[in-house]
C-alpha atoms as a PDB file:
ATOM      1  CA  MET A   1    -179.683  61.999  48.816  1.00  0.00           C
ATOM      2  CA  LEU A   2    -183.629  62.804  48.390  1.00  0.00           C
ATOM      3  CA  GLY A   3    -183.228  63.614  44.661  1.00  0.00           C
ATOM      4  CA  ASP A   4    -184.189  61.357  41.919  1.00  0.00           C
ATOM      5  CA  ALA A   5    -183.249  57.755  43.381  1.00  0.00           C
ATOM      6  CA  ARG A   6    -184.580  55.691  40.845  1.00  0.00           C
ATOM      7  CA  VAL A   7    -183.263  52.307  39.724  1.00  0.00           C
ATOM      8  CA  ARG A   8    -184.384  50.656  36.303  1.00  0.00           C
ATOM      9  CA  GLY A   9    -184.346  47.231  36.635  1.00  0.00           C
ATOM     10  CA  GLN A  10    -184.369  44.217  34.051  1.00  0.00           C
ATOM     11  CA  THR A  11    -187.994  44.601  33.549  1.00  0.00           C
ATOM     12  CA  GLY A  12    -187.589  47.966  32.133  1.00  0.00           C
ATOM     13  CA  VAL A  13    -189.793  49.583  34.996  1.00  0.00           C
ATOM     14  CA  LEU A  14    -188.421  52.474  36.979  1.00  0.00           C
ATOM     15  CA  SER A  15    -188.604  51.593  40.786  1.00  0.00           C
ATOM     16  CA  GLU A  16    -187.936  53.968  43.585  1.00  0.00           C
ATOM     17  CA  ARG A  17    -184.864  53.147  46.289  1.00  0.00           C
ATOM     18  CA  ARG A  18    -185.492  55.826  48.663  1.00  0.00           C
ATOM     19  CA  GLY A  19    -188.200  57.167  50.869  1.00  0.00           C
ATOM     20  CA  SER A  20    -189.759  60.596  50.579  1.00  0.00           C
ATOM     21  CA  TYR A  21    -190.586  61.497  54.274  1.00  0.00           C
ATOM     22  CA  PRO A  22    -189.965  65.644  54.525  1.00  0.00           C
ATOM     23  CA  PHE A  23    -188.882  65.642  57.943  1.00  0.00           C
ATOM     24  CA  ILE A  24    -185.613  64.176  58.490  1.00  0.00           C
ATOM     25  CA  ASP A  25    -183.176  64.290  61.048  1.00  0.00           C
ATOM     26  CA  PHE A  26    -179.988  65.137  59.240  1.00  0.00           C
ATOM     27  CA  ARG A  27    -177.832  65.114  62.651  1.00  0.00           C
ATOM     28  CA  LEU A  28    -178.594  61.012  62.401  1.00  0.00           C
ATOM     29  CA  LEU A  29    -177.354  60.792  58.744  1.00  0.00           C
ATOM     30  CA  ASN A  30    -174.147  63.198  59.236  1.00  0.00           C
ATOM     31  CA  ASN A  31    -173.248  61.620  62.596  1.00  0.00           C
ATOM     32  CA  SER A  32    -170.214  59.123  61.911  1.00  0.00           C
ATOM     33  CA  THR A  33    -168.082  58.204  65.200  1.00  0.00           C
ATOM     34  CA  LEU A  34    -166.033  55.490  63.428  1.00  0.00           C
ATOM     35  CA  SER A  35    -164.299  55.992  60.175  1.00  0.00           C
ATOM     36  CA  GLY A  36    -164.892  52.210  59.292  1.00  0.00           C
ATOM     37  CA  GLU A  37    -168.523  52.886  59.377  1.00  0.00           C
ATOM     38  CA  ILE A  38    -168.865  55.211  56.500  1.00  0.00           C
ATOM     39  CA  GLY A  39    -168.106  52.322  53.781  1.00  0.00           C
ATOM     40  CA  THR A  40    -170.697  50.034  55.321  1.00  0.00           C
ATOM     41  CA  LYS A  41    -173.273  52.936  55.675  1.00  0.00           C
ATOM     42  CA  LYS A  42    -172.907  54.079  51.904  1.00  0.00           C
ATOM     43  CA  LYS A  43    -173.681  50.322  51.077  1.00  0.00           C
ATOM     44  CA  VAL A  44    -176.728  50.243  53.168  1.00  0.00           C
ATOM     45  CA  LYS A  45    -177.790  53.341  51.697  1.00  0.00           C
ATOM     46  CA  ARG A  46    -177.510  52.068  48.368  1.00  0.00           C
ATOM     47  CA  LEU A  47    -179.543  49.185  48.893  1.00  0.00           C
ATOM     48  CA  LEU A  48    -182.279  50.436  51.204  1.00  0.00           C
ATOM     49  CA  SER A  49    -184.993  53.066  50.949  1.00  0.00           C
ATOM     50  CA  PHE A  50    -184.516  55.963  53.162  1.00  0.00           C
ATOM     51  CA  GLN A  51    -187.025  54.536  55.965  1.00  0.00           C
ATOM     52  CA  ARG A  52    -184.982  51.471  56.133  1.00  0.00           C
ATOM     53  CA  TYR A  53    -181.482  53.271  56.050  1.00  0.00           C
ATOM     54  CA  PHE A  54    -182.728  55.456  58.899  1.00  0.00           C
ATOM     55  CA  HIS A  55    -183.514  52.617  60.780  1.00  0.00           C
ATOM     56  CA  ALA A  56    -180.405  50.616  59.781  1.00  0.00           C
ATOM     57  CA  SER A  57    -178.258  53.767  60.567  1.00  0.00           C
ATOM     58  CA  ARG A  58    -179.329  53.394  64.202  1.00  0.00           C
ATOM     59  CA  LEU A  59    -178.172  49.813  64.353  1.00  0.00           C
ATOM     60  CA  LEU A  60    -175.041  50.544  62.941  1.00  0.00           C
ATOM     61  CA  ARG A  61    -174.196  53.041  65.499  1.00  0.00           C
ATOM     62  CA  GLY A  62    -175.179  50.536  68.283  1.00  0.00           C
ATOM     63  CA  ILE A  63    -178.593  52.302  68.999  1.00  0.00           C
ATOM     64  CA  VAL A  64    -181.392  49.974  69.921  1.00  0.00           C
ATOM     65  CA  PRO A  65    -184.525  51.009  68.043  1.00  0.00           C
ATOM     66  CA  GLN A  66    -187.110  52.129  70.982  1.00  0.00           C
ATOM     67  CA  ALA A  67    -190.087  50.125  69.216  1.00  0.00           C
ATOM     68  CA  SER A  68    -188.444  46.990  68.196  1.00  0.00           C
ATOM     69  CA  LEU A  69    -190.358  44.383  65.893  1.00  0.00           C
ATOM     70  CA  TYR A  70    -191.070  41.267  67.660  1.00  0.00           C
ATOM     71  CA  LEU A  71    -192.487  37.881  65.845  1.00  0.00           C
ATOM     72  CA  LEU A  72    -195.444  35.798  66.867  1.00  0.00           C
ATOM     73  CA  ASP A  73    -194.427  32.200  67.530  1.00  0.00           C
ATOM     74  CA  GLU A  74    -196.359  29.398  68.397  1.00  0.00           C
ATOM     75  CA  ASP A  75    -196.425  30.060  72.332  1.00  0.00           C
ATOM     76  CA  TYR A  76    -197.614  33.390  71.674  1.00  0.00           C
ATOM     77  CA  LEU A  77    -200.639  33.128  69.145  1.00  0.00           C
ATOM     78  CA  GLY A  78    -203.329  33.434  71.444  1.00  0.00           C
ATOM     79  CA  GLN A  79    -206.023  35.809  71.059  1.00  0.00           C
ATOM     80  CA  ALA A  80    -204.031  36.952  67.704  1.00  0.00           C
ATOM     81  CA  ARG A  81    -204.875  33.335  66.333  1.00  0.00           C
ATOM     82  CA  HIS A  82    -208.373  33.674  67.620  1.00  0.00           C
ATOM     83  CA  MET A  83    -208.715  36.937  65.847  1.00  0.00           C
ATOM     84  CA  LEU A  84    -207.205  35.605  62.714  1.00  0.00           C
ATOM     85  CA  SER A  85    -209.600  32.961  62.615  1.00  0.00           C
ATOM     86  CA  LYS A  86    -212.555  35.752  62.140  1.00  0.00           C
ATOM     87  CA  VAL A  87    -210.451  37.926  59.685  1.00  0.00           C
ATOM     88  CA  GLY A  88    -213.141  37.636  56.775  1.00  0.00           C
ATOM     89  CA  MET A  89    -215.551  39.322  59.204  1.00  0.00           C
ATOM     90  CA  TRP A  90    -216.226  43.176  58.558  1.00  0.00           C
ATOM     91  CA  ASP A  91    -216.290  43.959  62.462  1.00  0.00           C
ATOM     92  CA  PHE A  92    -212.521  42.947  62.577  1.00  0.00           C
ATOM     93  CA  ASP A  93    -210.744  45.328  64.982  1.00  0.00           C
ATOM     94  CA  ILE A  94    -207.308  45.958  63.233  1.00  0.00           C
ATOM     95  CA  PHE A  95    -206.301  48.191  66.288  1.00  0.00           C
ATOM     96  CA  LEU A  96    -206.695  45.229  68.869  1.00  0.00           C
ATOM     97  CA  PHE A  97    -204.986  42.997  66.290  1.00  0.00           C
ATOM     98  CA  ASP A  98    -202.134  45.491  65.971  1.00  0.00           C
ATOM     99  CA  ARG A  99    -201.660  45.591  69.668  1.00  0.00           C
ATOM    100  CA  LEU A 100    -201.520  41.833  69.934  1.00  0.00           C
ATOM    101  CA  THR A 101    -199.260  41.471  67.551  1.00  0.00           C
ATOM    102  CA  ASN A 102    -196.745  44.114  68.930  1.00  0.00           C
ATOM    103  CA  GLY A 103    -197.140  46.415  66.372  1.00  0.00           C
ATOM    104  CA  ASN A 104    -196.518  43.404  63.607  1.00  0.00           C
ATOM    105  CA  SER A 105    -200.175  43.589  62.320  1.00  0.00           C
ATOM    106  CA  LEU A 106    -199.432  44.055  58.701  1.00  0.00           C
ATOM    107  CA  VAL A 107    -196.752  41.165  58.140  1.00  0.00           C
ATOM    108  CA  THR A 108    -198.651  38.878  60.594  1.00  0.00           C
ATOM    109  CA  LEU A 109    -201.893  39.387  58.573  1.00  0.00           C
ATOM    110  CA  LEU A 110    -200.474  39.029  55.164  1.00  0.00           C
ATOM    111  CA  CYS A 111    -198.636  35.700  55.973  1.00  0.00           C
ATOM    112  CA  HIS A 112    -201.869  34.350  57.356  1.00  0.00           C
ATOM    113  CA  LEU A 113    -203.789  35.403  54.148  1.00  0.00           C
ATOM    114  CA  PHE A 114    -201.208  34.029  51.584  1.00  0.00           C
ATOM    115  CA  ASN A 115    -201.573  30.514  53.484  1.00  0.00           C
ATOM    116  CA  VAL A 116    -205.261  30.732  53.570  1.00  0.00           C
ATOM    117  CA  HIS A 117    -205.624  31.558  49.945  1.00  0.00           C
ATOM    118  CA  GLY A 118    -202.748  28.995  48.899  1.00  0.00           C
ATOM    119  CA  LEU A 119    -200.567  31.586  47.503  1.00  0.00           C
ATOM    120  CA  ILE A 120    -197.340  30.177  48.897  1.00  0.00           C
ATOM    121  CA  HIS A 121    -197.823  26.779  47.385  1.00  0.00           C
ATOM    122  CA  HIS A 122    -199.087  28.239  44.267  1.00  0.00           C
ATOM    123  CA  PHE A 123    -196.356  30.249  43.565  1.00  0.00           C
ATOM    124  CA  GLN A 124    -193.710  28.249  45.291  1.00  0.00           C
ATOM    125  CA  LEU A 125    -192.792  31.264  47.354  1.00  0.00           C
ATOM    126  CA  ASP A 126    -189.821  31.118  50.038  1.00  0.00           C
ATOM    127  CA  MET A 127    -191.419  31.559  53.384  1.00  0.00           C
ATOM    128  CA  VAL A 128    -188.375  33.594  54.769  1.00  0.00           C
ATOM    129  CA  THR A 129    -188.307  35.671  51.663  1.00  0.00           C
ATOM    130  CA  LEU A 130    -191.999  36.304  51.966  1.00  0.00           C
ATOM    131  CA  HIS A 131    -191.544  37.414  55.374  1.00  0.00           C
ATOM    132  CA  ARG A 132    -188.436  39.692  54.670  1.00  0.00           C
ATOM    133  CA  PHE A 133    -190.523  41.442  51.946  1.00  0.00           C
ATOM    134  CA  LEU A 134    -193.560  41.972  54.100  1.00  0.00           C
ATOM    135  CA  VAL A 135    -191.284  43.357  56.622  1.00  0.00           C
ATOM    136  CA  MET A 136    -189.598  45.487  54.338  1.00  0.00           C
ATOM    137  CA  VAL A 137    -193.231  47.003  53.332  1.00  0.00           C
ATOM    138  CA  GLN A 138    -194.231  47.125  56.907  1.00  0.00           C
ATOM    139  CA  GLU A 139    -191.202  49.494  58.081  1.00  0.00           C
ATOM    140  CA  ASP A 140    -191.579  51.624  54.830  1.00  0.00           C
ATOM    141  CA  TYR A 141    -194.622  52.932  56.440  1.00  0.00           C
ATOM    142  CA  HIS A 142    -194.285  56.098  58.759  1.00  0.00           C
ATOM    143  CA  SER A 143    -195.613  55.283  62.326  1.00  0.00           C
ATOM    144  CA  GLN A 144    -195.588  58.949  62.887  1.00  0.00           C
ATOM    145  CA  ASN A 145    -198.541  59.368  60.538  1.00  0.00           C
ATOM    146  CA  PRO A 146    -201.328  59.230  62.463  1.00  0.00           C
ATOM    147  CA  TYR A 147    -203.569  57.806  59.582  1.00  0.00           C
ATOM    148  CA  HIS A 148    -201.351  56.740  56.632  1.00  0.00           C
ATOM    149  CA  ASN A 149    -199.115  54.106  58.487  1.00  0.00           C
ATOM    150  CA  ALA A 150    -198.835  50.494  58.518  1.00  0.00           C
ATOM    151  CA  VAL A 151    -202.100  50.039  60.541  1.00  0.00           C
ATOM    152  CA  HIS A 152    -204.147  51.544  57.814  1.00  0.00           C
ATOM    153  CA  ALA A 153    -202.160  49.232  55.273  1.00  0.00           C
ATOM    154  CA  ALA A 154    -203.387  46.313  57.394  1.00  0.00           C
ATOM    155  CA  ASP A 155    -206.769  47.393  57.637  1.00  0.00           C
ATOM    156  CA  VAL A 156    -207.285  47.978  54.181  1.00  0.00           C
ATOM    157  CA  THR A 157    -205.768  44.502  53.302  1.00  0.00           C
ATOM    158  CA  GLN A 158    -208.154  42.981  55.607  1.00  0.00           C
ATOM    159  CA  ALA A 159    -211.022  44.860  54.010  1.00  0.00           C
ATOM    160  CA  MET A 160    -209.688  43.684  50.708  1.00  0.00           C
ATOM    161  CA  HIS A 161    -209.866  40.181  51.553  1.00  0.00           C
ATOM    162  CA  CYS A 162    -213.499  40.574  52.542  1.00  0.00           C
ATOM    163  CA  TYR A 163    -214.262  41.904  48.923  1.00  0.00           C
ATOM    164  CA  LEU A 164    -212.120  38.802  47.507  1.00  0.00           C
ATOM    165  CA  ARG A 165    -214.199  36.652  49.493  1.00  0.00           C
ATOM    166  CA  GLU A 166    -217.653  37.737  47.918  1.00  0.00           C
ATOM    167  CA  PRO A 167    -219.202  34.769  46.094  1.00  0.00           C
ATOM    168  CA  LYS A 168    -219.871  36.692  42.766  1.00  0.00           C
ATOM    169  CA  LEU A 169    -216.455  37.772  42.587  1.00  0.00           C
ATOM    170  CA  ALA A 170    -214.388  35.068  44.386  1.00  0.00           C
ATOM    171  CA  ASN A 171    -215.625  32.219  41.836  1.00  0.00           C
ATOM    172  CA  PHE A 172    -213.861  33.987  39.207  1.00  0.00           C
ATOM    173  CA  LEU A 173    -210.643  35.180  40.821  1.00  0.00           C
ATOM    174  CA  THR A 174    -207.425  33.220  39.961  1.00  0.00           C
ATOM    175  CA  PRO A 175    -204.372  32.730  42.431  1.00  0.00           C
ATOM    176  CA  SER A 176    -202.966  35.711  40.197  1.00  0.00           C
ATOM    177  CA  ASP A 177    -205.814  38.059  41.004  1.00  0.00           C
ATOM    178  CA  ILE A 178    -205.556  37.221  44.829  1.00  0.00           C
ATOM    179  CA  MET A 179    -201.868  38.013  45.201  1.00  0.00           C
ATOM    180  CA  LEU A 180    -202.031  41.204  43.167  1.00  0.00           C
ATOM    181  CA  GLY A 181    -205.142  42.202  45.286  1.00  0.00           C
ATOM    182  CA  LEU A 182    -203.420  41.666  48.531  1.00  0.00           C
ATOM    183  CA  LEU A 183    -200.033  42.821  47.686  1.00  0.00           C
ATOM    184  CA  ALA A 184    -201.632  46.138  46.047  1.00  0.00           C
ATOM    185  CA  ALA A 185    -203.850  46.850  49.481  1.00  0.00           C
ATOM    186  CA  ALA A 186    -200.608  46.038  51.852  1.00  0.00           C
ATOM    187  CA  ALA A 187    -198.429  48.459  49.679  1.00  0.00           C
ATOM    188  CA  HIS A 188    -200.755  50.942  48.044  1.00  0.00           C
ATOM    189  CA  ASP A 189    -199.568  53.772  50.729  1.00  0.00           C
ATOM    190  CA  VAL A 190    -196.091  52.747  51.243  1.00  0.00           C
ATOM    191  CA  ASP A 191    -193.879  55.459  52.492  1.00  0.00           C
ATOM    192  CA  HIS A 192    -196.607  57.933  52.622  1.00  0.00           C
ATOM    193  CA  PRO A 193    -195.066  61.119  53.664  1.00  0.00           C
ATOM    194  CA  GLY A 194    -198.160  62.405  55.763  1.00  0.00           C
ATOM    195  CA  VAL A 195    -199.284  65.013  53.320  1.00  0.00           C
ATOM    196  CA  ASN A 196    -201.291  65.194  50.332  1.00  0.00           C
ATOM    197  CA  GLN A 197    -200.532  65.742  46.771  1.00  0.00           C
ATOM    198  CA  PRO A 198    -201.687  69.691  46.629  1.00  0.00           C
ATOM    199  CA  PHE A 199    -199.072  70.155  49.489  1.00  0.00           C
ATOM    200  CA  LEU A 200    -196.308  68.409  47.761  1.00  0.00           C
ATOM    201  CA  ILE A 201    -197.029  70.253  44.373  1.00  0.00           C
ATOM    202  CA  LYS A 202    -197.095  73.814  46.381  1.00  0.00           C
ATOM    203  CA  THR A 203    -193.978  73.020  48.430  1.00  0.00           C
ATOM    204  CA  LYS A 204    -192.235  71.842  45.180  1.00  0.00           C
ATOM    205  CA  HIS A 205    -191.287  68.670  46.506  1.00  0.00           C
ATOM    206  CA  HIS A 206    -188.699  66.634  44.510  1.00  0.00           C
ATOM    207  CA  LEU A 207    -191.656  63.972  44.068  1.00  0.00           C
ATOM    208  CA  ALA A 208    -193.845  66.320  42.434  1.00  0.00           C
ATOM    209  CA  SER A 209    -191.097  67.415  40.047  1.00  0.00           C
ATOM    210  CA  LEU A 210    -190.309  63.689  39.286  1.00  0.00           C
ATOM    211  CA  TYR A 211    -193.915  62.575  38.506  1.00  0.00           C
ATOM    212  CA  GLN A 212    -194.867  65.976  36.847  1.00  0.00           C
ATOM    213  CA  ASN A 213    -197.837  66.535  39.514  1.00  0.00           C
ATOM    214  CA  VAL A 214    -199.606  63.467  38.133  1.00  0.00           C
ATOM    215  CA  SER A 215    -200.527  60.912  40.765  1.00  0.00           C
ATOM    216  CA  VAL A 216    -197.261  61.665  42.629  1.00  0.00           C
ATOM    217  CA  LEU A 217    -197.940  59.834  45.860  1.00  0.00           C
ATOM    218  CA  GLU A 218    -199.795  56.819  44.062  1.00  0.00           C
ATOM    219  CA  ASN A 219    -196.634  56.522  41.407  1.00  0.00           C
ATOM    220  CA  HIS A 220    -194.158  56.964  44.404  1.00  0.00           C
ATOM    221  CA  HIS A 221    -196.047  53.894  46.284  1.00  0.00           C
ATOM    222  CA  TRP A 222    -195.901  51.510  43.267  1.00  0.00           C
ATOM    223  CA  ARG A 223    -192.403  52.365  42.396  1.00  0.00           C
ATOM    224  CA  SER A 224    -191.281  51.550  45.888  1.00  0.00           C
ATOM    225  CA  THR A 225    -193.306  48.574  45.906  1.00  0.00           C
ATOM    226  CA  ILE A 226    -191.262  47.549  42.801  1.00  0.00           C
ATOM    227  CA  GLY A 227    -188.001  48.192  44.492  1.00  0.00           C
ATOM    228  CA  MET A 228    -188.542  46.198  47.397  1.00  0.00           C
ATOM    229  CA  LEU A 229    -190.179  43.154  45.207  1.00  0.00           C
ATOM    230  CA  ARG A 230    -186.889  43.333  43.478  1.00  0.00           C
ATOM    231  CA  GLU A 231    -184.742  44.136  46.457  1.00  0.00           C
ATOM    232  CA  SER A 232    -185.928  40.829  48.352  1.00  0.00           C
ATOM    233  CA  ARG A 233    -186.078  38.669  45.415  1.00  0.00           C
ATOM    234  CA  LEU A 234    -189.402  37.608  46.224  1.00  0.00           C
ATOM    235  CA  LEU A 235    -190.625  36.824  42.643  1.00  0.00           C
ATOM    236  CA  ALA A 236    -186.933  36.008  41.158  1.00  0.00           C
ATOM    237  CA  HIS A 237    -187.834  32.424  40.436  1.00  0.00           C
ATOM    238  CA  LEU A 238    -190.591  33.332  38.120  1.00  0.00           C
ATOM    239  CA  PRO A 239    -190.543  33.871  34.612  1.00  0.00           C
ATOM    240  CA  LYS A 240    -189.440  37.222  33.345  1.00  0.00           C
ATOM    241  CA  GLU A 241    -192.796  37.921  31.469  1.00  0.00           C
ATOM    242  CA  VAL A 242    -194.635  36.882  34.507  1.00  0.00           C
ATOM    243  CA  ILE A 243    -192.835  39.301  36.855  1.00  0.00           C
ATOM    244  CA  GLN A 244    -193.337  42.189  34.075  1.00  0.00           C
ATOM    245  CA  ASP A 245    -196.952  41.693  34.207  1.00  0.00           C
ATOM    246  CA  ILE A 246    -197.291  41.239  38.016  1.00  0.00           C
ATOM    247  CA  GLU A 247    -195.312  44.817  38.287  1.00  0.00           C
ATOM    248  CA  ARG A 248    -197.449  46.232  35.769  1.00  0.00           C
ATOM    249  CA  GLN A 249    -200.717  45.152  37.268  1.00  0.00           C
ATOM    250  CA  LEU A 250    -199.628  46.549  40.344  1.00  0.00           C
ATOM    251  CA  GLY A 251    -199.118  49.793  39.083  1.00  0.00           C
ATOM    252  CA  SER A 252    -202.369  49.813  37.371  1.00  0.00           C
ATOM    253  CA  LEU A 253    -204.246  48.717  40.741  1.00  0.00           C
ATOM    254  CA  ILE A 254    -202.162  51.216  43.281  1.00  0.00           C
ATOM    255  CA  LEU A 255    -202.534  54.243  40.558  1.00  0.00           C
ATOM    256  CA  ALA A 256    -206.378  53.555  40.801  1.00  0.00           C
ATOM    257  CA  THR A 257    -206.406  54.713  44.509  1.00  0.00           C
ATOM    258  CA  ASP A 258    -205.658  58.333  43.521  1.00  0.00           C
ATOM    259  CA  ILE A 259    -208.540  60.374  44.477  1.00  0.00           C
ATOM    260  CA  ASN A 260    -208.309  62.740  41.495  1.00  0.00           C
ATOM    261  CA  ARG A 261    -209.361  59.837  39.348  1.00  0.00           C
ATOM    262  CA  GLN A 262    -212.537  59.020  41.258  1.00  0.00           C
ATOM    263  CA  ASN A 263    -215.145  59.933  38.835  1.00  0.00           C
ATOM    264  CA  GLU A 264    -213.297  58.318  35.717  1.00  0.00           C
ATOM    265  CA  PHE A 265    -214.077  54.783  37.878  1.00  0.00           C
ATOM    266  CA  LEU A 266    -217.525  55.596  38.864  1.00  0.00           C
ATOM    267  CA  ILE A 267    -218.641  56.459  35.666  1.00  0.00           C
ATOM    268  CA  ARG A 268    -216.902  53.354  34.196  1.00  0.00           C
ATOM    269  CA  LEU A 269    -218.714  51.424  36.864  1.00  0.00           C
ATOM    270  CA  LYS A 270    -222.044  52.900  36.470  1.00  0.00           C
ATOM    271  CA  SER A 271    -221.828  51.914  32.671  1.00  0.00           C
ATOM    272  CA  HIS A 272    -220.998  48.356  33.097  1.00  0.00           C
ATOM    273  CA  LEU A 273    -223.654  48.119  35.705  1.00  0.00           C
ATOM    274  CA  ASP A 274    -226.370  49.697  33.629  1.00  0.00           C
ATOM    275  CA  ASN A 275    -225.563  47.887  30.357  1.00  0.00           C
ATOM    276  CA  GLN A 276    -224.830  44.698  32.770  1.00  0.00           C
ATOM    277  CA  ASP A 277    -222.146  43.970  30.169  1.00  0.00           C
ATOM    278  CA  LEU A 278    -219.403  42.685  32.971  1.00  0.00           C
ATOM    279  CA  ARG A 279    -217.919  39.429  32.284  1.00  0.00           C
ATOM    280  CA  LEU A 280    -215.711  38.211  35.112  1.00  0.00           C
ATOM    281  CA  GLU A 281    -214.400  35.510  32.703  1.00  0.00           C
ATOM    282  CA  ASP A 282    -212.382  38.368  31.107  1.00  0.00           C
ATOM    283  CA  ALA A 283    -209.056  38.889  32.681  1.00  0.00           C
ATOM    284  CA  GLN A 284    -209.799  42.725  32.010  1.00  0.00           C
ATOM    285  CA  ASP A 285    -213.088  43.026  33.803  1.00  0.00           C
ATOM    286  CA  ARG A 286    -211.710  41.137  36.564  1.00  0.00           C
ATOM    287  CA  HIS A 287    -208.739  43.805  37.088  1.00  0.00           C
ATOM    288  CA  PHE A 288    -211.250  46.153  36.813  1.00  0.00           C
ATOM    289  CA  MET A 289    -213.103  45.014  39.861  1.00  0.00           C
ATOM    290  CA  LEU A 290    -209.910  44.508  41.681  1.00  0.00           C
ATOM    291  CA  GLN A 291    -209.276  48.302  41.189  1.00  0.00           C
ATOM    292  CA  ILE A 292    -212.714  48.985  42.572  1.00  0.00           C
ATOM    293  CA  ALA A 293    -212.445  46.676  45.458  1.00  0.00           C
ATOM    294  CA  LEU A 294    -209.241  48.402  46.358  1.00  0.00           C
ATOM    295  CA  LYS A 295    -210.574  51.733  45.882  1.00  0.00           C
ATOM    296  CA  CYS A 296    -213.659  50.926  48.394  1.00  0.00           C
ATOM    297  CA  ALA A 297    -211.050  49.097  50.769  1.00  0.00           C
ATOM    298  CA  ASP A 298    -209.213  52.188  50.893  1.00  0.00           C
ATOM    299  CA  ILE A 299    -212.069  54.163  52.052  1.00  0.00           C
ATOM    300  CA  CYS A 300    -213.971  52.134  53.743  1.00  0.00           C
ATOM    301  CA  ASN A 301    -213.368  53.585  57.286  1.00  0.00           C
ATOM    302  CA  PRO A 302    -217.072  55.007  57.408  1.00  0.00           C
ATOM    303  CA  CYS A 303    -218.524  51.683  56.923  1.00  0.00           C
ATOM    304  CA  ARG A 304    -216.872  50.086  59.662  1.00  0.00           C
ATOM    305  CA  LEU A 305    -218.698  49.530  63.436  1.00  0.00           C
ATOM    306  CA  TRP A 306    -218.908  53.215  65.093  1.00  0.00           C
ATOM    307  CA  ASP A 307    -216.001  52.395  67.433  1.00  0.00           C
ATOM    308  CA  LEU A 308    -213.499  51.726  64.600  1.00  0.00           C
ATOM    309  CA  SER A 309    -214.910  54.465  62.305  1.00  0.00           C
ATOM    310  CA  LYS A 310    -214.415  57.140  65.053  1.00  0.00           C
ATOM    311  CA  GLN A 311    -210.955  56.261  65.633  1.00  0.00           C
ATOM    312  CA  TRP A 312    -210.111  56.304  62.055  1.00  0.00           C
ATOM    313  CA  SER A 313    -211.848  59.877  61.500  1.00  0.00           C
ATOM    314  CA  GLU A 314    -209.914  61.148  64.535  1.00  0.00           C
ATOM    315  CA  ARG A 315    -206.577  59.910  62.997  1.00  0.00           C
ATOM    316  CA  VAL A 316    -207.031  61.416  59.593  1.00  0.00           C
ATOM    317  CA  CYS A 317    -208.200  64.885  60.931  1.00  0.00           C
ATOM    318  CA  GLU A 318    -204.861  64.749  63.278  1.00  0.00           C
ATOM    319  CA  GLU A 319    -202.941  64.060  60.179  1.00  0.00           C
ATOM    320  CA  PHE A 320    -204.666  66.978  58.123  1.00  0.00           C
ATOM    321  CA  TYR A 321    -204.126  69.347  60.867  1.00  0.00           C
ATOM    322  CA  ARG A 322    -200.582  68.487  61.318  1.00  0.00           C
ATOM    323  CA  GLN A 323    -200.201  69.302  57.406  1.00  0.00           C
ATOM    324  CA  GLY A 324    -202.000  72.550  57.870  1.00  0.00           C
END
């Protein structure tokens, strides 16, 4: 079940269909009380990533999740709506926002930002399908992780939004650039197992073998995102070549977050700045700046207000301690 579980779609790009979390309660997976459940569970297992299969298997057995996902409606926006009016400010408190949205910060934030940037209208997206896709992304983050969880993804997405609003960049961005930036930020750590690449390699994890020890986590995040995009059919109405380009650029953005490639990007950025040859009218240069923006958003915690920065520092230390 946890082996090479990739699916090749029409666009030819491999996509992940299972999660990789290394600590699994096999009692839950092997427990079947009714013979009629087996066929249904097999169908669910084929369609869902492991994280979503784990959640669905509880529902199939009649177990109500301890932390149910509640959605905001017009009667409950209150303080959350007030916070969203300031979503472009650097002092945005993602921890408070997550509490106000009952742990639904990533879905609520992305729905709002897609609307603010006019992406729903421009790409003719179905709101229900968009919401379904965002829920899939949010649920594929592991809430057990102190740091690499859906709140981190929401925090990076909010930071990405701040960067996208910077005038020197915003004046050149296309709707495609904005959507790619927000999607990459939201899904850049999806299904993160809570351990780093050296740990996966040294423990001979199947993902390390699958990606030959190169950008192991980032490749998994990207392929998992493609799997969810195809499963949700969010972009199914777009031309095939447009979908191919979106999937390819999403991969380029997410793979740029690999810390092992840090010097590569810093050297290239320094070269552009020294030579003053960045032309944001050029799609290739805009994409490079989106890569830099995502890398900055991913590690921006020390630049936040002290109260927020301290919480993130404690979380990342706790997660690294657990790995040890």
